[in-house]
Amino acid sequence: MRRRRRPDSRLALSRPPPGAKTSNTNRLLAALPPDDYARIAPLFDHIPLKLKQIIHRAGDPVSHIYFPGSGFCSVLSVLEDGKMVEVATVGREGMIGASAVLRGRAAEPSVTMVQAATPVCYRITTDEFCNEMNRRGAFSVLLARYAHAYFGFVMQSTVCNAVHTIEQRLARWLLTAQDRVDQNDFPLTQEFVAMMLGTTRPTVTVVAGTLQRAGLITYRHGHLTILDREGLEQASCECYRVAAALLDSVTTTTDDGQSTDGHRRRD
């Protein structure tokens, strides 16, 4: 009989009682068939994620997989000089630790940091995650589909960073962030925007000022508000639409291409 792990006393953990009917705000878990979700729900810890909290560190084994209920995290590549550049974001549409779908507990190649806090994140050990993947059931099919979409999202972001302007890239990132937090305003420091864009703080000041003068955003003292989403979409590039559609397809279509009752991003 497998021994259950001891909860980490440093975190505020809670588990739903076995068989409890839980309303899950993570779209991947919510897309599971009811019987499958009821079976795996007791395997998850419920924890809060705090702003700038490090979830995974580069080079460390992936011990847990995270399914945010709201907010989002940034996946960052680390250079030899310690500089970090964002390569992807993950929110309630996905999972943190997608590499575990392919490589289990192998070392994480990147850093994952919380960019928008959430009071609820669903956490499962990598061992339990892999056991569920090995069942080759609905959970495995859904998560494999997400992993495929996630890596496509990363590739689209790579293309965007290579060929599109900083203004377009910032507009794309803000639209994606708004989709994840489902509100028009959120904290955002110049330091992080520079990390996200792979640029400097003075450049961030110029770019944010351009969007602000166009009436699309306001940005003061590390707090950003989106004023005109339609205008921001026009200022962005096609990468936002392509990436959003790719991630939406995980829970809105089945393997045979048929539509489901999953959540779609806002128009």
C-alpha atoms as a PDB file:
ATOM      1  CA  MET A   1       0.000   0.000   0.000  1.00  0.00           C
ATOM      2  CA  ARG A   2       1.389   3.362  -0.968  1.00  0.00           C
ATOM      3  CA  ARG A   3       2.075   5.718   1.936  1.00  0.00           C
ATOM      4  CA  ARG A   4       0.553   9.164   1.716  1.00  0.00           C
ATOM      5  CA  ARG A   5       2.918  12.085   1.954  1.00  0.00           C
ATOM      6  CA  ARG A   6       2.928  14.422   4.948  1.00  0.00           C
ATOM      7  CA  PRO A   7       1.538  17.910   4.212  1.00  0.00           C
ATOM      8  CA  ASP A   8       4.049  20.730   4.104  1.00  0.00           C
ATOM      9  CA  SER A   9       3.372  22.744   7.270  1.00  0.00           C
ATOM     10  CA  ARG A  10       4.883  25.886   5.711  1.00  0.00           C
ATOM     11  CA  LEU A  11       1.914  26.239   3.358  1.00  0.00           C
ATOM     12  CA  ALA A  12      -1.777  26.698   4.068  1.00  0.00           C
ATOM     13  CA  LEU A  13      -2.976  23.367   2.639  1.00  0.00           C
ATOM     14  CA  SER A  14      -6.453  21.900   2.484  1.00  0.00           C
ATOM     15  CA  ARG A  15      -7.925  18.897   0.748  1.00  0.00           C
ATOM     16  CA  PRO A  16     -11.561  18.352  -0.151  1.00  0.00           C
ATOM     17  CA  PRO A  17     -13.042  15.260   1.539  1.00  0.00           C
ATOM     18  CA  PRO A  18     -13.135  12.167  -0.703  1.00  0.00           C
ATOM     19  CA  GLY A  19     -16.182  12.236  -2.917  1.00  0.00           C
ATOM     20  CA  ALA A  20     -16.834  15.928  -2.319  1.00  0.00           C
ATOM     21  CA  LYS A  21     -18.297  17.848  -5.246  1.00  0.00           C
ATOM     22  CA  THR A  22     -15.918  20.738  -5.873  1.00  0.00           C
ATOM     23  CA  SER A  23     -16.311  23.657  -8.260  1.00  0.00           C
ATOM     24  CA  ASN A  24     -12.906  23.843  -9.892  1.00  0.00           C
ATOM     25  CA  THR A  25     -11.747  27.131 -11.364  1.00  0.00           C
ATOM     26  CA  ASN A  26      -8.859  25.607 -13.300  1.00  0.00           C
ATOM     27  CA  ARG A  27     -10.187  24.995 -16.795  1.00  0.00           C
ATOM     28  CA  LEU A  28      -8.205  21.835 -17.431  1.00  0.00           C
ATOM     29  CA  LEU A  29      -9.472  20.119 -14.299  1.00  0.00           C
ATOM     30  CA  ALA A  30     -12.988  21.469 -14.865  1.00  0.00           C
ATOM     31  CA  ALA A  31     -12.970  19.912 -18.363  1.00  0.00           C
ATOM     32  CA  LEU A  32     -12.496  16.394 -16.991  1.00  0.00           C
ATOM     33  CA  PRO A  33     -15.472  14.013 -16.983  1.00  0.00           C
ATOM     34  CA  PRO A  34     -17.197  14.157 -13.550  1.00  0.00           C
ATOM     35  CA  ASP A  35     -16.207  10.618 -12.565  1.00  0.00           C
ATOM     36  CA  ASP A  36     -12.551  11.220 -13.407  1.00  0.00           C
ATOM     37  CA  TYR A  37     -12.476  14.507 -11.514  1.00  0.00           C
ATOM     38  CA  ALA A  38     -14.146  12.966  -8.456  1.00  0.00           C
ATOM     39  CA  ARG A  39     -11.540  10.209  -8.423  1.00  0.00           C
ATOM     40  CA  ILE A  40      -8.469  12.469  -8.632  1.00  0.00           C
ATOM     41  CA  ALA A  41      -9.731  15.435  -6.571  1.00  0.00           C
ATOM     42  CA  PRO A  42      -8.477  13.947  -3.245  1.00  0.00           C
ATOM     43  CA  LEU A  43      -4.941  13.824  -4.678  1.00  0.00           C
ATOM     44  CA  PHE A  44      -4.712  17.623  -4.845  1.00  0.00           C
ATOM     45  CA  ASP A  45      -3.600  20.114  -2.219  1.00  0.00           C
ATOM     46  CA  HIS A  46      -5.208  23.563  -2.344  1.00  0.00           C
ATOM     47  CA  ILE A  47      -2.639  26.309  -1.780  1.00  0.00           C
ATOM     48  CA  PRO A  48      -2.347  30.086  -2.334  1.00  0.00           C
ATOM     49  CA  LEU A  49       0.318  31.480  -4.650  1.00  0.00           C
ATOM     50  CA  LYS A  50       1.905  34.801  -3.698  1.00  0.00           C
ATOM     51  CA  LEU A  51       3.259  37.487  -6.006  1.00  0.00           C
ATOM     52  CA  LYS A  52       6.861  36.742  -7.090  1.00  0.00           C
ATOM     53  CA  GLN A  53       6.804  33.317  -5.423  1.00  0.00           C
ATOM     54  CA  ILE A  54       9.139  30.847  -7.165  1.00  0.00           C
ATOM     55  CA  ILE A  55       7.319  27.624  -8.078  1.00  0.00           C
ATOM     56  CA  HIS A  56      10.082  25.835  -9.992  1.00  0.00           C
ATOM     57  CA  ARG A  57      13.786  26.594 -10.175  1.00  0.00           C
ATOM     58  CA  ALA A  58      15.992  25.778 -13.161  1.00  0.00           C
ATOM     59  CA  GLY A  59      17.904  22.555 -12.611  1.00  0.00           C
ATOM     60  CA  ASP A  60      15.692  21.277  -9.778  1.00  0.00           C
ATOM     61  CA  PRO A  61      13.598  18.109 -10.141  1.00  0.00           C
ATOM     62  CA  VAL A  62       9.890  18.808 -10.663  1.00  0.00           C
ATOM     63  CA  SER A  63       8.346  17.568  -7.408  1.00  0.00           C
ATOM     64  CA  HIS A  64       4.865  19.075  -7.893  1.00  0.00           C
ATOM     65  CA  ILE A  65       2.546  20.058 -10.732  1.00  0.00           C
ATOM     66  CA  TYR A  66       0.389  23.180 -10.277  1.00  0.00           C
ATOM     67  CA  PHE A  67      -3.033  24.009 -11.736  1.00  0.00           C
ATOM     68  CA  PRO A  68      -3.795  27.717 -11.029  1.00  0.00           C
ATOM     69  CA  GLY A  69      -7.374  28.618 -10.170  1.00  0.00           C
ATOM     70  CA  SER A  70      -6.797  32.263 -11.092  1.00  0.00           C
ATOM     71  CA  GLY A  71      -3.857  34.621 -11.555  1.00  0.00           C
ATOM     72  CA  PHE A  72      -0.912  33.446 -13.623  1.00  0.00           C
ATOM     73  CA  CYS A  73       2.770  32.555 -13.562  1.00  0.00           C
ATOM     74  CA  SER A  74       5.657  33.417 -15.858  1.00  0.00           C
ATOM     75  CA  VAL A  75       8.040  30.802 -17.214  1.00  0.00           C
ATOM     76  CA  LEU A  76      11.525  32.325 -17.496  1.00  0.00           C
ATOM     77  CA  SER A  77      14.678  31.177 -19.258  1.00  0.00           C
ATOM     78  CA  VAL A  78      17.869  31.944 -17.343  1.00  0.00           C
ATOM     79  CA  LEU A  79      21.071  33.056 -19.095  1.00  0.00           C
ATOM     80  CA  GLU A  80      24.611  32.505 -17.808  1.00  0.00           C
ATOM     81  CA  ASP A  81      24.828  36.069 -16.482  1.00  0.00           C
ATOM     82  CA  GLY A  82      21.663  35.530 -14.433  1.00  0.00           C
ATOM     83  CA  LYS A  83      19.414  37.574 -16.718  1.00  0.00           C
ATOM     84  CA  MET A  84      15.932  36.085 -17.109  1.00  0.00           C
ATOM     85  CA  VAL A  85      13.612  36.395 -20.109  1.00  0.00           C
ATOM     86  CA  GLU A  86       9.993  35.278 -20.184  1.00  0.00           C
ATOM     87  CA  VAL A  87       9.131  32.525 -22.669  1.00  0.00           C
ATOM     88  CA  ALA A  88       5.530  31.747 -21.619  1.00  0.00           C
ATOM     89  CA  THR A  89       2.768  32.472 -19.127  1.00  0.00           C
ATOM     90  CA  VAL A  90       0.438  29.952 -17.499  1.00  0.00           C
ATOM     91  CA  GLY A  91      -2.893  30.706 -15.842  1.00  0.00           C
ATOM     92  CA  ARG A  92      -6.192  28.978 -15.127  1.00  0.00           C
ATOM     93  CA  GLU A  93      -6.260  27.594 -18.679  1.00  0.00           C
ATOM     94  CA  GLY A  94      -3.323  25.291 -17.984  1.00  0.00           C
ATOM     95  CA  MET A  95      -0.808  23.654 -15.712  1.00  0.00           C
ATOM     96  CA  ILE A  96       2.646  24.553 -14.439  1.00  0.00           C
ATOM     97  CA  GLY A  97       5.151  21.799 -15.130  1.00  0.00           C
ATOM     98  CA  ALA A  98       4.117  20.742 -18.634  1.00  0.00           C
ATOM     99  CA  SER A  99       7.524  19.121 -19.160  1.00  0.00           C
ATOM    100  CA  ALA A 100       6.486  16.455 -16.638  1.00  0.00           C
ATOM    101  CA  VAL A 101       4.032  15.114 -19.223  1.00  0.00           C
ATOM    102  CA  LEU A 102       7.074  13.934 -21.199  1.00  0.00           C
ATOM    103  CA  ARG A 103       9.893  13.684 -18.684  1.00  0.00           C
ATOM    104  CA  GLY A 104       8.393  12.933 -15.246  1.00  0.00           C
ATOM    105  CA  ARG A 105      10.573  14.186 -12.386  1.00  0.00           C
ATOM    106  CA  ALA A 106      13.456  15.269 -14.633  1.00  0.00           C
ATOM    107  CA  ALA A 107      15.125  18.610 -13.872  1.00  0.00           C
ATOM    108  CA  GLU A 108      13.133  21.697 -14.817  1.00  0.00           C
ATOM    109  CA  PRO A 109      14.894  23.713 -17.572  1.00  0.00           C
ATOM    110  CA  SER A 110      13.397  27.069 -16.538  1.00  0.00           C
ATOM    111  CA  VAL A 111      12.239  29.206 -13.615  1.00  0.00           C
ATOM    112  CA  THR A 112       8.539  29.653 -12.899  1.00  0.00           C
ATOM    113  CA  MET A 113       7.521  32.743 -10.902  1.00  0.00           C
ATOM    114  CA  VAL A 114       4.089  33.970  -9.815  1.00  0.00           C
ATOM    115  CA  GLN A 115       3.210  37.184 -11.649  1.00  0.00           C
ATOM    116  CA  ALA A 116      -0.410  37.553 -10.470  1.00  0.00           C
ATOM    117  CA  ALA A 117      -1.277  36.035  -7.082  1.00  0.00           C
ATOM    118  CA  THR A 118      -4.121  33.561  -6.616  1.00  0.00           C
ATOM    119  CA  PRO A 119      -5.844  32.389  -3.421  1.00  0.00           C
ATOM    120  CA  VAL A 120      -6.378  28.906  -4.848  1.00  0.00           C
ATOM    121  CA  CYS A 121      -3.999  26.708  -6.811  1.00  0.00           C
ATOM    122  CA  TYR A 122      -4.416  22.948  -7.147  1.00  0.00           C
ATOM    123  CA  ARG A 123      -1.179  21.066  -6.510  1.00  0.00           C
ATOM    124  CA  ILE A 124      -0.370  17.396  -7.057  1.00  0.00           C
ATOM    125  CA  THR A 125       2.901  15.528  -6.599  1.00  0.00           C
ATOM    126  CA  THR A 126       4.714  14.570  -9.774  1.00  0.00           C
ATOM    127  CA  ASP A 127       4.582  10.891  -8.761  1.00  0.00           C
ATOM    128  CA  GLU A 128       0.783  10.999  -8.429  1.00  0.00           C
ATOM    129  CA  PHE A 129       0.550  13.011 -11.646  1.00  0.00           C
ATOM    130  CA  CYS A 130       2.607  10.402 -13.524  1.00  0.00           C
ATOM    131  CA  ASN A 131       0.501   7.588 -12.070  1.00  0.00           C
ATOM    132  CA  GLU A 132      -2.591   9.277 -13.484  1.00  0.00           C
ATOM    133  CA  MET A 133      -0.911   9.811 -16.846  1.00  0.00           C
ATOM    134  CA  ASN A 134       0.012   6.115 -16.948  1.00  0.00           C
ATOM    135  CA  ARG A 135      -3.662   5.143 -16.643  1.00  0.00           C
ATOM    136  CA  ARG A 136      -4.087   6.388 -20.242  1.00  0.00           C
ATOM    137  CA  GLY A 137      -7.554   7.705 -19.458  1.00  0.00           C
ATOM    138  CA  ALA A 138      -9.303  11.053 -19.891  1.00  0.00           C
ATOM    139  CA  PHE A 139      -6.771  12.840 -17.671  1.00  0.00           C
ATOM    140  CA  SER A 140      -3.866  11.605 -19.788  1.00  0.00           C
ATOM    141  CA  VAL A 141      -5.559  12.546 -23.064  1.00  0.00           C
ATOM    142  CA  LEU A 142      -6.439  16.047 -21.863  1.00  0.00           C
ATOM    143  CA  LEU A 143      -3.007  16.797 -20.393  1.00  0.00           C
ATOM    144  CA  ALA A 144      -1.186  15.473 -23.458  1.00  0.00           C
ATOM    145  CA  ARG A 145      -3.340  17.768 -25.584  1.00  0.00           C
ATOM    146  CA  TYR A 146      -2.481  20.680 -23.298  1.00  0.00           C
ATOM    147  CA  ALA A 147       1.254  19.902 -23.447  1.00  0.00           C
ATOM    148  CA  HIS A 148       1.075  20.003 -27.247  1.00  0.00           C
ATOM    149  CA  ALA A 149      -0.758  23.359 -27.171  1.00  0.00           C
ATOM    150  CA  TYR A 150       1.605  24.760 -24.532  1.00  0.00           C
ATOM    151  CA  PHE A 151       4.712  24.038 -26.574  1.00  0.00           C
ATOM    152  CA  GLY A 152       2.981  25.572 -29.598  1.00  0.00           C
ATOM    153  CA  PHE A 153       2.282  28.640 -27.444  1.00  0.00           C
ATOM    154  CA  VAL A 154       5.994  28.844 -26.548  1.00  0.00           C
ATOM    155  CA  MET A 155       6.984  28.592 -30.208  1.00  0.00           C
ATOM    156  CA  GLN A 156       4.516  31.342 -31.157  1.00  0.00           C
ATOM    157  CA  SER A 157       5.970  33.548 -28.400  1.00  0.00           C
ATOM    158  CA  THR A 158       9.459  32.894 -29.737  1.00  0.00           C
ATOM    159  CA  VAL A 159       8.409  33.991 -33.217  1.00  0.00           C
ATOM    160  CA  CYS A 160       6.719  37.084 -31.784  1.00  0.00           C
ATOM    161  CA  ASN A 161       9.808  38.101 -29.816  1.00  0.00           C
ATOM    162  CA  ALA A 162      11.939  37.733 -32.931  1.00  0.00           C
ATOM    163  CA  VAL A 163       9.925  39.644 -35.525  1.00  0.00           C
ATOM    164  CA  HIS A 164       7.401  41.970 -33.891  1.00  0.00           C
ATOM    165  CA  THR A 165       7.868  45.377 -32.303  1.00  0.00           C
ATOM    166  CA  ILE A 166       8.095  45.914 -28.561  1.00  0.00           C
ATOM    167  CA  GLU A 167       4.752  47.787 -28.626  1.00  0.00           C
ATOM    168  CA  GLN A 168       3.061  44.803 -30.316  1.00  0.00           C
ATOM    169  CA  ARG A 169       4.637  42.367 -27.882  1.00  0.00           C
ATOM    170  CA  LEU A 170       3.582  44.379 -24.845  1.00  0.00           C
ATOM    171  CA  ALA A 171       0.020  44.681 -26.186  1.00  0.00           C
ATOM    172  CA  ARG A 172      -0.082  40.897 -26.728  1.00  0.00           C
ATOM    173  CA  TRP A 173       1.195  40.223 -23.226  1.00  0.00           C
ATOM    174  CA  LEU A 174      -1.334  42.594 -21.623  1.00  0.00           C
ATOM    175  CA  LEU A 175      -4.222  40.972 -23.486  1.00  0.00           C
ATOM    176  CA  THR A 176      -3.094  37.540 -22.353  1.00  0.00           C
ATOM    177  CA  ALA A 177      -2.719  38.766 -18.771  1.00  0.00           C
ATOM    178  CA  GLN A 178      -6.215  40.237 -18.819  1.00  0.00           C
ATOM    179  CA  ASP A 179      -7.630  36.922 -20.043  1.00  0.00           C
ATOM    180  CA  ARG A 180      -5.962  35.165 -17.100  1.00  0.00           C
ATOM    181  CA  VAL A 181      -6.942  37.558 -14.278  1.00  0.00           C
ATOM    182  CA  ASP A 182     -10.341  38.483 -15.781  1.00  0.00           C
ATOM    183  CA  GLN A 183     -10.049  42.126 -14.733  1.00  0.00           C
ATOM    184  CA  ASN A 184      -8.797  45.353 -16.266  1.00  0.00           C
ATOM    185  CA  ASP A 185      -6.164  46.310 -13.713  1.00  0.00           C
ATOM    186  CA  PHE A 186      -3.294  44.461 -12.065  1.00  0.00           C
ATOM    187  CA  PRO A 187       0.137  45.165 -10.559  1.00  0.00           C
ATOM    188  CA  LEU A 188       2.995  45.275 -13.050  1.00  0.00           C
ATOM    189  CA  THR A 189       6.485  46.605 -12.343  1.00  0.00           C
ATOM    190  CA  GLN A 190       8.894  48.048 -14.889  1.00  0.00           C
ATOM    191  CA  GLU A 191      11.424  45.458 -13.748  1.00  0.00           C
ATOM    192  CA  PHE A 192       9.157  42.628 -14.776  1.00  0.00           C
ATOM    193  CA  VAL A 193       8.069  44.224 -18.042  1.00  0.00           C
ATOM    194  CA  ALA A 194      11.761  44.572 -18.940  1.00  0.00           C
ATOM    195  CA  MET A 195      12.264  40.879 -18.103  1.00  0.00           C
ATOM    196  CA  MET A 196       9.223  39.920 -20.139  1.00  0.00           C
ATOM    197  CA  LEU A 197      10.281  41.935 -23.195  1.00  0.00           C
ATOM    198  CA  GLY A 198      13.992  41.183 -22.898  1.00  0.00           C
ATOM    199  CA  THR A 199      14.789  44.885 -22.801  1.00  0.00           C
ATOM    200  CA  THR A 200      15.713  47.706 -20.394  1.00  0.00           C
ATOM    201  CA  ARG A 201      13.647  49.842 -18.014  1.00  0.00           C
ATOM    202  CA  PRO A 202      14.098  53.043 -20.073  1.00  0.00           C
ATOM    203  CA  THR A 203      12.673  51.193 -23.076  1.00  0.00           C
ATOM    204  CA  VAL A 204       9.742  50.035 -20.950  1.00  0.00           C
ATOM    205  CA  THR A 205       9.041  53.646 -20.004  1.00  0.00           C
ATOM    206  CA  VAL A 206       8.943  54.646 -23.667  1.00  0.00           C
ATOM    207  CA  VAL A 207       6.747  51.731 -24.755  1.00  0.00           C
ATOM    208  CA  ALA A 208       4.261  52.082 -21.889  1.00  0.00           C
ATOM    209  CA  GLY A 209       4.127  55.805 -22.592  1.00  0.00           C
ATOM    210  CA  THR A 210       3.243  55.141 -26.230  1.00  0.00           C
ATOM    211  CA  LEU A 211       0.305  52.916 -25.275  1.00  0.00           C
ATOM    212  CA  GLN A 212      -0.774  55.355 -22.589  1.00  0.00           C
ATOM    213  CA  ARG A 213      -0.778  58.361 -24.923  1.00  0.00           C
ATOM    214  CA  ALA A 214      -2.900  56.335 -27.333  1.00  0.00           C
ATOM    215  CA  GLY A 215      -5.495  55.967 -24.567  1.00  0.00           C
ATOM    216  CA  LEU A 216      -5.132  52.185 -24.370  1.00  0.00           C
ATOM    217  CA  ILE A 217      -3.746  51.896 -20.828  1.00  0.00           C
ATOM    218  CA  THR A 218      -2.808  53.851 -17.748  1.00  0.00           C
ATOM    219  CA  TYR A 219       0.397  52.903 -15.936  1.00  0.00           C
ATOM    220  CA  ARG A 220       1.359  54.495 -12.625  1.00  0.00           C
ATOM    221  CA  HIS A 221       3.479  53.369  -9.683  1.00  0.00           C
ATOM    222  CA  GLY A 222       3.670  49.724 -10.722  1.00  0.00           C
ATOM    223  CA  HIS A 223      -0.060  49.413 -11.419  1.00  0.00           C
ATOM    224  CA  LEU A 224      -1.515  49.015 -14.915  1.00  0.00           C
ATOM    225  CA  THR A 225      -5.111  49.483 -16.075  1.00  0.00           C
ATOM    226  CA  ILE A 226      -6.411  48.510 -19.513  1.00  0.00           C
ATOM    227  CA  LEU A 227      -8.755  51.231 -20.789  1.00  0.00           C
ATOM    228  CA  ASP A 228      -9.418  50.102 -24.359  1.00  0.00           C
ATOM    229  CA  ARG A 229      -9.203  46.359 -25.015  1.00  0.00           C
ATOM    230  CA  GLU A 230     -10.341  46.648 -28.629  1.00  0.00           C
ATOM    231  CA  GLY A 231      -7.653  49.227 -29.304  1.00  0.00           C
ATOM    232  CA  LEU A 232      -5.087  47.049 -27.565  1.00  0.00           C
ATOM    233  CA  GLU A 233      -6.032  44.132 -29.816  1.00  0.00           C
ATOM    234  CA  GLN A 234      -5.473  46.355 -32.835  1.00  0.00           C
ATOM    235  CA  ALA A 235      -2.089  47.409 -31.453  1.00  0.00           C
ATOM    236  CA  SER A 236      -1.087  43.778 -30.952  1.00  0.00           C
ATOM    237  CA  CYS A 237       0.032  41.283 -33.584  1.00  0.00           C
ATOM    238  CA  GLU A 238      -1.563  38.082 -34.865  1.00  0.00           C
ATOM    239  CA  CYS A 239       0.365  36.114 -32.249  1.00  0.00           C
ATOM    240  CA  TYR A 240      -2.211  36.921 -29.571  1.00  0.00           C
ATOM    241  CA  ARG A 241      -5.074  35.449 -31.618  1.00  0.00           C
ATOM    242  CA  VAL A 242      -3.066  32.426 -32.723  1.00  0.00           C
ATOM    243  CA  ALA A 243      -1.822  31.595 -29.219  1.00  0.00           C
ATOM    244  CA  ALA A 244      -5.224  32.177 -27.566  1.00  0.00           C
ATOM    245  CA  ALA A 245      -6.969  29.917 -30.098  1.00  0.00           C
ATOM    246  CA  LEU A 246      -4.340  27.238 -29.583  1.00  0.00           C
ATOM    247  CA  LEU A 247      -4.854  27.142 -25.812  1.00  0.00           C
ATOM    248  CA  ASP A 248      -8.640  27.416 -26.101  1.00  0.00           C
ATOM    249  CA  SER A 249      -8.716  24.360 -28.351  1.00  0.00           C
ATOM    250  CA  VAL A 250      -7.536  22.138 -25.478  1.00  0.00           C
ATOM    251  CA  THR A 251     -10.856  22.369 -23.629  1.00  0.00           C
ATOM    252  CA  THR A 252     -13.215  23.432 -26.406  1.00  0.00           C
ATOM    253  CA  THR A 253     -12.616  20.612 -28.891  1.00  0.00           C
ATOM    254  CA  THR A 254     -12.230  16.864 -28.670  1.00  0.00           C
ATOM    255  CA  ASP A 255      -9.676  14.716 -30.461  1.00  0.00           C
ATOM    256  CA  ASP A 256     -12.057  14.370 -33.431  1.00  0.00           C
ATOM    257  CA  GLY A 257     -12.431  18.159 -33.714  1.00  0.00           C
ATOM    258  CA  GLN A 258     -15.940  18.366 -32.241  1.00  0.00           C
ATOM    259  CA  SER A 259     -16.872  21.320 -30.007  1.00  0.00           C
ATOM    260  CA  THR A 260     -17.352  20.799 -26.260  1.00  0.00           C
ATOM    261  CA  ASP A 261     -18.864  22.853 -23.465  1.00  0.00           C
ATOM    262  CA  GLY A 262     -15.461  24.097 -22.325  1.00  0.00           C
ATOM    263  CA  HIS A 263     -14.629  27.718 -21.570  1.00  0.00           C
ATOM    264  CA  ARG A 264     -13.616  30.110 -24.326  1.00  0.00           C
ATOM    265  CA  ARG A 265     -11.682  33.338 -24.028  1.00  0.00           C
ATOM    266  CA  ARG A 266     -13.642  36.566 -24.110  1.00  0.00           C
ATOM    267  CA  ASP A 267     -14.221  38.221 -27.481  1.00  0.00           C
END
